[in-house]
Amino acid sequence: MSTASSRIELRRDLGTWPAMSIVIGTVIGSGIFLVPKTMIQRVGSVEWLFAVWVVGGLLSLAGALSYAELAAAMPEAGGEYVFLREAYGPLWGFIYSWTQTWVAKSGSIATLATAFFVYLSNFFAPLDTVFYTLPLPLGPHGGPLELRWGQICAIVLIASLGWLNYFGVKLGGNVQVTVTAIKVALIAVVIVAGLCLGQPHASAPAPAPLASPTFAGFIAALVAALWAYDGWNNVSMVSSEIRQPRKNLPLALIGGTLAVIAIYLLANAAYFRIMTPQEVAGADRVAADMMRKIWHAPGANAVSIAAMISIFAALNGSILTGSRVPYAAAREGYFFRAVARVDPKHRTPGVSIAVLSAWASLLVLTGKYDDLFNLVIFASWILYGMTAAAVIVLRVKRPDLERPYRTLGYPLVPALFVAAAFILLLSTAIDRPRESLMGIGLILLGLPFYFYWRKQHKK
């Protein structure tokens, strides 16, 4: 990398609304349309399902409150990469960037793109057709790798959004604001239809519960809910491109997370007013099935369009923010040097965007929605917990650090978040050992690279 190119910096082109739309737009993706089925199957009752949504929302809010202090104090590109580096040293910053690049962020992008073609197949059924099967144990649950036309569509979508974000963070931010506004409006229509216009499902004698309430079932449902909430932390990754970060970052993190919690609870209230728990448990597209009961086929098609717009916004936000993490690591010598390059005209980390998009496209081919989101959640929550703990660590280690915002409820809020993360990880490791081991394995795979780059860094 030349000396001239190393002086090129990212620009602070994102204001308050783009920052807020990154949180809301990235969090509300496919989860709210897909996971209620998994959740009700795991907990068995509507009351327990709402309890899971509330707990997941409070956990996400505790994380947002903790991250707000770190982001306002250290508004640099990379988000958790910077926080973990400062709290625990460069090894943990590297592990975060490695995990985000190869597992968490790329896996999240692949999962969203997969969900996009699931909804698009509602209009074009051949997209779900297998056109080739590879006899390799790379598919869902270790089965053969099946290639569908929809996966090709998902890869094209990822590549298109990567190309769009190459042409400037301001362009990507404006797209994020516009698409987020459209999708919130469409979700509001679904909520109003379910709560006010539709006919409530008929009362009937209580059938046998779908599942007996258990701790393992609650945690498994919580994993699904946390996938739906995942992304509240993304705005911290573009801290170096946000104007007035000390004000806008806490506002976006906390305000955006509260808005998402409210939207999710209202949407689920609408679902279960129109549909019985048994109907939700059998619905692959719960919002579409609900709207079909109200407005028949046109209502179901409208929801599919709303879901695709929602996923589109989440994908755009994920590529925009996630590409800043490998860029931040490469800039300090802990990743491939080319990834640190900033385009001199557009002021974007173009190579980093291309690498993340290409790897996510390969992950699209590996399979099923459930497998992907469990892999993403497990790998992510190891480092989410450590980042929340960094609030406490840095209060001791860096008492002189200027903190424009201080975590509400400190130290209880970050401590509760860390404890919950530990319980979640333990339960997920028991319930989904294959995905958990894959996540840990990909993290450990990065250690030889770290020691190599650290040696080069010292030279």
Protein backbone atom coordinates (compact mmCIF):
# COMPACT_ATOMS: atom_id res chain seq x y z
CA MET A 1 0.00 0.00 0.00
CA SER A 2 1.47 3.35 -0.97
CA THR A 3 2.10 6.19 1.43
CA ALA A 4 -0.31 8.40 -0.48
CA SER A 5 -3.14 5.93 -0.26
CA SER A 6 -2.56 5.40 3.45
CA ARG A 7 -3.33 9.10 4.04
CA ILE A 8 -6.76 8.85 2.43
CA GLU A 9 -9.39 8.84 5.18
CA LEU A 10 -13.07 7.97 5.35
CA ARG A 11 -15.43 10.99 5.44
CA ARG A 12 -17.98 11.93 8.12
CA ASP A 13 -20.94 12.06 5.74
CA LEU A 14 -23.63 10.36 7.87
CA GLY A 15 -25.99 12.50 9.96
CA THR A 16 -28.58 11.67 12.63
CA TRP A 17 -31.20 10.05 10.39
CA PRO A 18 -28.79 7.81 8.48
CA ALA A 19 -27.32 6.66 11.82
CA MET A 20 -30.78 5.91 13.21
CA SER A 21 -31.86 4.18 10.00
CA ILE A 22 -28.77 1.93 10.13
CA VAL A 23 -29.94 0.64 13.52
CA ILE A 24 -33.62 0.22 12.63
CA GLY A 25 -33.05 -0.82 9.03
CA THR A 26 -30.36 -3.38 9.84
CA VAL A 27 -32.18 -4.92 12.80
CA ILE A 28 -35.58 -5.28 11.12
CA GLY A 29 -34.71 -7.68 8.36
CA SER A 30 -36.22 -11.10 7.83
CA GLY A 31 -36.46 -12.22 11.45
CA ILE A 32 -39.78 -10.61 12.34
CA PHE A 33 -41.38 -12.35 9.34
CA LEU A 34 -39.83 -15.78 9.93
CA VAL A 35 -38.91 -16.53 13.56
CA PRO A 36 -42.33 -16.45 15.34
CA LYS A 37 -42.89 -19.98 13.98
CA THR A 38 -39.67 -21.27 15.58
CA MET A 39 -40.34 -19.39 18.81
CA ILE A 40 -43.90 -20.66 19.37
CA GLN A 41 -42.76 -24.22 18.60
CA ARG A 42 -40.10 -23.93 21.28
CA VAL A 43 -42.07 -22.27 24.10
CA GLY A 44 -45.57 -23.58 23.32
CA SER A 45 -47.70 -20.58 24.36
CA VAL A 46 -48.31 -16.99 23.32
CA GLU A 47 -47.57 -15.72 26.83
CA TRP A 48 -44.15 -17.32 26.87
CA LEU A 49 -43.46 -16.13 23.34
CA PHE A 50 -44.06 -12.52 24.38
CA ALA A 51 -41.87 -13.06 27.43
CA VAL A 52 -39.07 -14.16 25.09
CA TRP A 53 -39.54 -11.05 22.90
CA VAL A 54 -39.41 -8.80 25.96
CA VAL A 55 -36.31 -10.49 27.40
CA GLY A 56 -34.57 -10.37 24.02
CA GLY A 57 -35.46 -6.69 23.66
CA LEU A 58 -34.22 -5.84 27.15
CA LEU A 59 -30.98 -7.71 26.50
CA SER A 60 -30.49 -5.80 23.26
CA LEU A 61 -31.26 -2.51 25.06
CA ALA A 62 -28.73 -3.34 27.80
CA GLY A 63 -26.19 -3.96 25.05
CA ALA A 64 -27.08 -0.68 23.32
CA LEU A 65 -26.74 1.26 26.60
CA SER A 66 -23.30 -0.28 27.14
CA TYR A 67 -22.14 0.22 23.56
CA ALA A 68 -23.28 3.85 23.60
CA GLU A 69 -20.61 4.71 26.17
CA LEU A 70 -17.87 3.00 24.18
CA ALA A 71 -18.94 4.40 20.81
CA ALA A 72 -19.20 7.99 22.06
CA ALA A 73 -15.78 7.74 23.73
CA MET A 74 -14.02 6.06 20.77
CA PRO A 75 -15.79 7.02 17.51
CA GLU A 76 -13.47 5.11 15.17
CA ALA A 77 -14.09 2.76 12.24
CA GLY A 78 -14.61 -0.86 13.27
CA GLY A 79 -16.85 -0.57 16.33
CA GLU A 80 -16.16 -3.58 18.58
CA TYR A 81 -12.75 -4.02 16.96
CA VAL A 82 -11.66 -0.76 18.60
CA PHE A 83 -13.43 -1.42 21.92
CA LEU A 84 -11.95 -4.91 22.34
CA ARG A 85 -8.49 -3.78 21.28
CA GLU A 86 -8.49 -1.00 23.87
CA ALA A 87 -9.88 -3.20 26.64
CA TYR A 88 -8.04 -6.49 26.10
CA GLY A 89 -5.28 -5.89 23.55
CA PRO A 90 -4.81 -6.39 19.78
CA LEU A 91 -5.45 -10.16 19.86
CA TRP A 92 -9.10 -9.70 20.83
CA GLY A 93 -9.59 -6.91 18.34
CA PHE A 94 -8.22 -9.23 15.66
CA ILE A 95 -10.46 -12.14 16.75
CA TYR A 96 -13.46 -9.84 16.44
CA SER A 97 -12.51 -8.68 12.95
CA TRP A 98 -11.74 -12.25 11.88
CA THR A 99 -15.05 -13.53 13.25
CA GLN A 100 -17.07 -10.71 11.69
CA THR A 101 -15.45 -11.17 8.31
CA TRP A 102 -15.61 -14.96 8.03
CA VAL A 103 -18.56 -15.87 10.28
CA ALA A 104 -20.79 -13.27 11.88
CA LYS A 105 -21.28 -10.42 9.43
CA SER A 106 -20.76 -12.45 6.30
CA GLY A 107 -23.07 -15.16 7.69
CA SER A 108 -25.69 -12.55 8.54
CA ILE A 109 -25.52 -11.14 5.01
CA ALA A 110 -25.83 -14.65 3.56
CA THR A 111 -28.81 -15.40 5.80
CA LEU A 112 -30.61 -12.22 4.80
CA ALA A 113 -29.97 -12.85 1.13
CA THR A 114 -31.27 -16.42 1.55
CA ALA A 115 -34.44 -15.09 3.20
CA PHE A 116 -34.86 -12.62 0.31
CA PHE A 117 -35.08 -15.39 -2.27
CA VAL A 118 -37.46 -17.36 0.01
CA TYR A 119 -39.91 -14.45 -0.27
CA LEU A 120 -39.18 -13.81 -3.93
CA SER A 121 -40.06 -17.45 -4.66
CA ASN A 122 -43.60 -16.53 -3.58
CA PHE A 123 -43.85 -14.80 -6.99
CA PHE A 124 -41.40 -16.97 -8.95
CA ALA A 125 -41.69 -20.56 -7.75
CA PRO A 126 -38.85 -21.90 -9.99
CA LEU A 127 -36.38 -19.97 -7.81
CA ASP A 128 -36.68 -22.75 -5.23
CA THR A 129 -35.86 -25.42 -7.83
CA VAL A 130 -32.63 -27.38 -7.37
CA PHE A 131 -30.70 -27.21 -10.64
CA TYR A 132 -27.56 -29.05 -9.50
CA THR A 133 -26.48 -31.24 -6.57
CA LEU A 134 -22.89 -31.64 -5.45
CA PRO A 135 -22.08 -34.84 -3.49
CA LEU A 136 -20.24 -32.88 -0.82
CA PRO A 137 -21.24 -32.72 2.91
CA LEU A 138 -21.55 -28.92 2.79
CA GLY A 139 -25.33 -28.57 2.75
CA PRO A 140 -27.76 -28.25 5.67
CA HIS A 141 -26.99 -30.71 8.50
CA GLY A 142 -24.01 -32.06 6.59
CA GLY A 143 -26.07 -33.24 3.61
CA PRO A 144 -25.26 -32.84 -0.10
CA LEU A 145 -24.86 -29.31 -1.41
CA GLU A 146 -27.97 -28.39 -3.38
CA LEU A 147 -27.82 -25.40 -5.71
CA ARG A 148 -31.02 -23.44 -6.36
CA TRP A 149 -31.78 -20.62 -8.77
CA GLY A 150 -32.78 -18.49 -5.80
CA GLN A 151 -29.25 -18.73 -4.41
CA ILE A 152 -27.94 -17.24 -7.65
CA CYS A 153 -30.48 -14.42 -7.23
CA ALA A 154 -29.27 -13.87 -3.65
CA ILE A 155 -25.64 -13.66 -4.79
CA VAL A 156 -26.54 -11.11 -7.47
CA LEU A 157 -28.31 -9.00 -4.81
CA ILE A 158 -25.26 -9.06 -2.51
CA ALA A 159 -22.96 -8.07 -5.38
CA SER A 160 -25.29 -5.23 -6.43
CA LEU A 161 -25.44 -3.72 -2.94
CA GLY A 162 -21.68 -4.07 -2.55
CA TRP A 163 -21.26 -2.16 -5.82
CA LEU A 164 -23.68 0.56 -4.64
CA ASN A 165 -21.82 1.07 -1.34
CA TYR A 166 -18.53 1.38 -3.17
CA PHE A 167 -19.70 4.71 -4.58
CA GLY A 168 -19.76 6.53 -1.27
CA VAL A 169 -21.04 6.21 2.29
CA LYS A 170 -23.38 9.15 1.71
CA LEU A 171 -25.08 7.32 -1.15
CA GLY A 172 -25.35 4.16 0.93
CA GLY A 173 -26.68 6.18 3.87
CA ASN A 174 -29.32 7.91 1.75
CA VAL A 175 -30.47 4.58 0.34
CA GLN A 176 -30.66 3.26 3.90
CA VAL A 177 -32.85 6.17 5.08
CA THR A 178 -35.23 5.85 2.11
CA VAL A 179 -35.66 2.09 2.22
CA THR A 180 -35.96 2.02 6.03
CA ALA A 181 -38.72 4.64 5.92
CA ILE A 182 -40.61 2.62 3.29
CA LYS A 183 -40.31 -0.64 5.18
CA VAL A 184 -41.39 0.84 8.54
CA ALA A 185 -44.45 2.31 6.79
CA LEU A 186 -45.30 -1.07 5.24
CA ILE A 187 -44.85 -2.91 8.55
CA ALA A 188 -47.12 -0.29 10.16
CA VAL A 189 -49.81 -1.21 7.59
CA VAL A 190 -49.47 -4.89 8.55
CA ILE A 191 -49.73 -4.03 12.26
CA VAL A 192 -52.80 -1.80 11.80
CA ALA A 193 -54.49 -4.44 9.62
CA GLY A 194 -53.90 -7.15 12.21
CA LEU A 195 -54.88 -5.09 15.24
CA CYS A 196 -57.77 -3.08 13.84
CA LEU A 197 -59.13 -4.43 10.55
CA GLY A 198 -58.92 -8.19 10.63
CA GLN A 199 -61.34 -10.61 12.28
CA PRO A 200 -59.87 -12.09 15.49
CA HIS A 201 -59.52 -15.86 15.44
CA ALA A 202 -62.48 -17.66 16.99
CA SER A 203 -62.29 -18.71 20.60
CA ALA A 204 -62.10 -22.45 21.07
CA PRO A 205 -61.39 -24.93 23.85
CA ALA A 206 -57.70 -24.75 24.68
CA PRO A 207 -55.88 -27.42 22.66
CA ALA A 208 -52.88 -29.31 23.98
CA PRO A 209 -49.85 -26.99 24.26
CA LEU A 210 -47.42 -27.06 21.36
CA ALA A 211 -44.54 -27.67 23.76
CA SER A 212 -44.01 -27.89 27.50
CA PRO A 213 -42.25 -24.82 28.92
CA THR A 214 -38.61 -25.68 29.61
CA PHE A 215 -35.47 -23.65 30.19
CA ALA A 216 -33.85 -25.17 27.09
CA GLY A 217 -36.91 -24.29 25.01
CA PHE A 218 -36.93 -20.73 26.34
CA ILE A 219 -33.25 -20.25 25.46
CA ALA A 220 -33.73 -21.80 22.01
CA ALA A 221 -36.60 -19.35 21.36
CA LEU A 222 -34.44 -16.54 22.72
CA VAL A 223 -31.74 -17.41 20.17
CA ALA A 224 -34.35 -16.94 17.43
CA ALA A 225 -35.51 -13.64 18.96
CA LEU A 226 -31.95 -12.37 19.26
CA TRP A 227 -31.42 -13.13 15.58
CA ALA A 228 -34.40 -10.87 14.89
CA TYR A 229 -32.89 -8.18 17.16
CA ASP A 230 -29.35 -8.64 15.83
CA GLY A 231 -27.80 -5.55 14.26
CA TRP A 232 -28.40 -2.87 16.91
CA ASN A 233 -24.61 -2.59 17.30
CA ASN A 234 -23.87 -2.08 13.59
CA VAL A 235 -23.89 1.70 13.65
CA SER A 236 -20.77 1.72 15.86
CA MET A 237 -18.83 0.12 12.98
CA VAL A 238 -19.17 3.31 10.93
CA SER A 239 -18.34 5.65 13.85
CA SER A 240 -15.60 7.35 11.86
CA GLU A 241 -18.15 8.36 9.19
CA ILE A 242 -20.85 9.83 11.46
CA ARG A 243 -21.11 13.55 12.06
CA GLN A 244 -21.14 14.68 15.71
CA PRO A 245 -20.57 11.07 16.86
CA ARG A 246 -20.64 11.88 20.56
CA LYS A 247 -24.28 12.91 20.23
CA ASN A 248 -25.53 10.87 17.29
CA LEU A 249 -24.09 7.47 18.23
CA PRO A 250 -25.83 7.13 21.65
CA LEU A 251 -29.02 8.57 20.15
CA ALA A 252 -29.01 6.07 17.28
CA LEU A 253 -28.11 3.06 19.45
CA ILE A 254 -30.65 3.64 22.22
CA GLY A 255 -33.46 5.30 20.23
CA GLY A 256 -33.21 2.81 17.38
CA THR A 257 -33.28 -0.21 19.71
CA LEU A 258 -36.35 1.09 21.59
CA ALA A 259 -38.16 1.67 18.29
CA VAL A 260 -37.43 -1.89 17.14
CA ILE A 261 -38.71 -3.41 20.41
CA ALA A 262 -42.00 -1.52 20.04
CA ILE A 263 -42.42 -2.58 16.39
CA TYR A 264 -41.73 -6.25 17.16
CA LEU A 265 -44.19 -6.43 20.06
CA LEU A 266 -46.93 -4.74 18.03
CA ALA A 267 -46.32 -7.02 15.03
CA ASN A 268 -46.59 -10.15 17.17
CA ALA A 269 -49.74 -8.83 18.82
CA ALA A 270 -51.21 -8.47 15.33
CA TYR A 271 -50.16 -12.01 14.31
CA PHE A 272 -51.71 -13.69 17.34
CA ARG A 273 -54.92 -11.67 17.19
CA ILE A 274 -55.69 -13.08 13.75
CA MET A 275 -53.99 -16.50 13.98
CA THR A 276 -54.01 -19.25 16.57
CA PRO A 277 -50.69 -20.48 18.04
CA GLN A 278 -51.14 -23.71 16.05
CA GLU A 279 -51.50 -21.72 12.81
CA VAL A 280 -48.41 -19.64 13.57
CA ALA A 281 -46.45 -22.81 14.39
CA GLY A 282 -47.22 -24.12 10.90
CA ALA A 283 -46.66 -20.86 9.03
CA ASP A 284 -43.41 -20.42 7.12
CA ARG A 285 -44.47 -16.84 6.29
CA VAL A 286 -46.53 -15.79 9.30
CA ALA A 287 -47.14 -12.17 8.26
CA ALA A 288 -48.19 -13.22 4.76
CA ASP A 289 -50.54 -15.88 6.15
CA MET A 290 -52.07 -13.32 8.50
CA MET A 291 -52.66 -10.82 5.71
CA ARG A 292 -54.12 -13.58 3.52
CA LYS A 293 -56.82 -14.04 6.16
CA ILE A 294 -57.59 -10.31 6.01
CA TRP A 295 -57.15 -9.34 2.34
CA HIS A 296 -56.72 -12.76 0.74
CA ALA A 297 -54.05 -13.23 -1.95
CA PRO A 298 -53.33 -9.49 -2.51
CA GLY A 299 -52.62 -9.10 1.22
CA ALA A 300 -50.18 -12.02 1.23
CA ASN A 301 -48.40 -10.67 -1.84
CA ALA A 302 -48.13 -7.21 -0.24
CA VAL A 303 -46.43 -8.73 2.81
CA SER A 304 -43.96 -10.59 0.63
CA ILE A 305 -43.04 -7.29 -1.04
CA ALA A 306 -42.73 -5.61 2.39
CA ALA A 307 -40.48 -8.43 3.59
CA MET A 308 -38.23 -8.12 0.56
CA ILE A 309 -37.91 -4.35 1.06
CA SER A 310 -37.15 -4.98 4.74
CA ILE A 311 -34.47 -7.51 3.89
CA PHE A 312 -33.05 -5.22 1.22
CA ALA A 313 -32.55 -2.45 3.81
CA ALA A 314 -30.99 -4.86 6.31
CA LEU A 315 -28.62 -6.18 3.65
CA ASN A 316 -27.57 -2.70 2.60
CA GLY A 317 -26.92 -1.69 6.21
CA SER A 318 -24.97 -4.88 6.90
CA ILE A 319 -22.66 -4.42 3.91
CA LEU A 320 -22.22 -0.70 4.63
CA THR A 321 -21.25 -1.27 8.29
CA GLY A 322 -19.65 -4.71 8.19
CA SER A 323 -17.05 -3.77 5.59
CA ARG A 324 -15.53 -1.25 8.02
CA VAL A 325 -14.38 -3.98 10.41
CA PRO A 326 -11.81 -5.79 8.21
CA TYR A 327 -10.78 -2.34 6.94
CA ALA A 328 -10.03 -1.19 10.51
CA ALA A 329 -7.97 -4.34 11.24
CA ALA A 330 -6.06 -4.10 7.95
CA ARG A 331 -5.27 -0.44 8.61
CA GLU A 332 -3.41 -1.46 11.76
CA GLY A 333 -1.60 -4.35 10.07
CA TYR A 334 -3.78 -7.22 11.36
CA PHE A 335 -5.42 -8.21 8.08
CA PHE A 336 -4.52 -8.37 4.40
CA ARG A 337 -2.94 -5.01 3.53
CA ALA A 338 -5.02 -4.47 0.39
CA VAL A 339 -8.19 -4.43 2.52
CA ALA A 340 -7.04 -1.15 4.10
CA ARG A 341 -7.18 0.72 0.80
CA VAL A 342 -9.59 3.64 0.57
CA ASP A 343 -10.84 4.71 -2.84
CA PRO A 344 -9.42 8.23 -3.39
CA LYS A 345 -12.54 9.46 -5.19
CA HIS A 346 -15.40 7.87 -3.27
CA ARG A 347 -13.64 7.60 0.13
CA THR A 348 -14.89 4.08 0.74
CA PRO A 349 -12.99 0.89 1.70
CA GLY A 350 -13.64 -0.66 -1.70
CA VAL A 351 -11.47 -3.77 -1.31
CA SER A 352 -13.02 -4.53 2.08
CA ILE A 353 -16.53 -4.23 0.61
CA ALA A 354 -15.57 -6.62 -2.21
CA VAL A 355 -14.00 -9.22 0.13
CA LEU A 356 -16.98 -9.26 2.51
CA SER A 357 -19.50 -9.47 -0.34
CA ALA A 358 -17.62 -12.27 -2.11
CA TRP A 359 -17.31 -14.44 1.00
CA ALA A 360 -20.98 -13.89 1.96
CA SER A 361 -21.93 -14.99 -1.56
CA LEU A 362 -20.07 -18.27 -1.06
CA LEU A 363 -21.85 -18.81 2.26
CA VAL A 364 -25.21 -18.42 0.50
CA LEU A 365 -24.47 -21.72 -1.26
CA THR A 366 -24.04 -23.63 2.02
CA GLY A 367 -27.63 -23.78 2.93
CA LYS A 368 -30.45 -23.38 5.26
CA TYR A 369 -31.71 -20.37 7.17
CA ASP A 370 -31.78 -22.05 10.61
CA ASP A 371 -28.21 -23.36 10.30
CA LEU A 372 -26.86 -19.98 9.25
CA PHE A 373 -28.52 -17.87 11.92
CA ASN A 374 -27.45 -20.21 14.75
CA LEU A 375 -23.86 -20.08 13.52
CA VAL A 376 -24.03 -16.27 13.39
CA ILE A 377 -25.66 -15.82 16.80
CA PHE A 378 -23.22 -18.10 18.67
CA ALA A 379 -20.08 -16.53 17.21
CA SER A 380 -21.41 -13.01 17.68
CA TRP A 381 -22.49 -13.34 21.30
CA ILE A 382 -19.06 -14.47 22.49
CA LEU A 383 -17.75 -11.04 21.50
CA TYR A 384 -20.90 -9.09 22.35
CA GLY A 385 -20.49 -10.24 25.95
CA MET A 386 -16.81 -9.30 26.01
CA THR A 387 -17.60 -5.88 24.55
CA ALA A 388 -20.22 -5.13 27.21
CA ALA A 389 -17.67 -6.19 29.84
CA ALA A 390 -15.23 -3.75 28.23
CA VAL A 391 -17.31 -0.90 29.68
CA ILE A 392 -16.29 -2.07 33.16
CA VAL A 393 -12.73 -2.96 32.14
CA LEU A 394 -12.08 0.46 30.60
CA ARG A 395 -13.57 2.32 33.56
CA VAL A 396 -10.72 0.73 35.57
CA LYS A 397 -8.04 0.65 32.88
CA ARG A 398 -8.73 4.06 31.30
CA PRO A 399 -10.34 6.27 33.97
CA ASP A 400 -9.01 9.35 32.13
CA LEU A 401 -10.90 8.49 28.90
CA GLU A 402 -13.39 11.21 28.05
CA ARG A 403 -16.90 9.75 28.16
CA PRO A 404 -19.55 12.07 26.67
CA TYR A 405 -22.18 9.44 27.51
CA ARG A 406 -22.06 7.09 30.52
CA THR A 407 -24.01 3.82 30.62
CA LEU A 408 -27.33 4.13 32.42
CA GLY A 409 -27.47 1.65 35.31
CA TYR A 410 -23.71 1.05 35.41
CA PRO A 411 -22.33 -1.45 36.46
CA LEU A 412 -25.52 -3.53 36.73
CA VAL A 413 -26.61 -3.15 33.08
CA PRO A 414 -23.35 -4.35 31.45
CA ALA A 415 -22.94 -7.06 34.11
CA LEU A 416 -26.43 -8.46 33.45
CA PHE A 417 -25.75 -8.39 29.73
CA VAL A 418 -22.53 -10.38 30.20
CA ALA A 419 -24.28 -12.94 32.44
CA ALA A 420 -27.10 -13.39 29.95
CA ALA A 421 -24.59 -13.80 27.10
CA PHE A 422 -22.84 -16.59 29.03
CA ILE A 423 -26.11 -18.48 29.68
CA LEU A 424 -27.14 -18.06 26.06
CA LEU A 425 -23.82 -19.38 24.76
CA LEU A 426 -23.84 -22.39 27.10
CA SER A 427 -27.38 -23.36 26.14
CA THR A 428 -26.73 -22.86 22.42
CA ALA A 429 -23.59 -25.02 22.60
CA ILE A 430 -25.72 -27.83 24.08
CA ASP A 431 -28.67 -27.37 21.73
CA ARG A 432 -26.70 -26.69 18.50
CA PRO A 433 -23.28 -28.33 18.99
CA ARG A 434 -22.46 -28.57 15.27
CA GLU A 435 -23.04 -24.87 14.53
CA SER A 436 -21.34 -23.82 17.77
CA LEU A 437 -18.24 -25.88 17.01
CA MET A 438 -18.13 -24.50 13.48
CA GLY A 439 -18.23 -20.96 14.88
CA ILE A 440 -15.43 -21.63 17.38
CA GLY A 441 -13.40 -23.50 14.77
CA LEU A 442 -13.49 -20.58 12.38
CA ILE A 443 -12.40 -18.25 15.19
CA LEU A 444 -9.43 -20.50 16.10
CA LEU A 445 -8.50 -20.80 12.44
CA GLY A 446 -7.51 -17.15 12.56
CA LEU A 447 -4.86 -17.45 15.28
CA PRO A 448 -1.96 -18.46 12.96
CA PHE A 449 -2.79 -15.45 10.79
CA TYR A 450 -2.78 -13.20 13.84
CA PHE A 451 0.70 -14.31 14.92
CA TYR A 452 1.97 -13.91 11.37
CA TRP A 453 0.55 -10.38 11.06
CA ARG A 454 1.76 -9.45 14.55
CA LYS A 455 5.27 -10.46 13.52
CA GLN A 456 4.99 -8.35 10.37
CA HIS A 457 3.52 -5.48 12.41
CA LYS A 458 6.54 -5.49 14.74
CA LYS A 459 8.92 -5.40 11.78
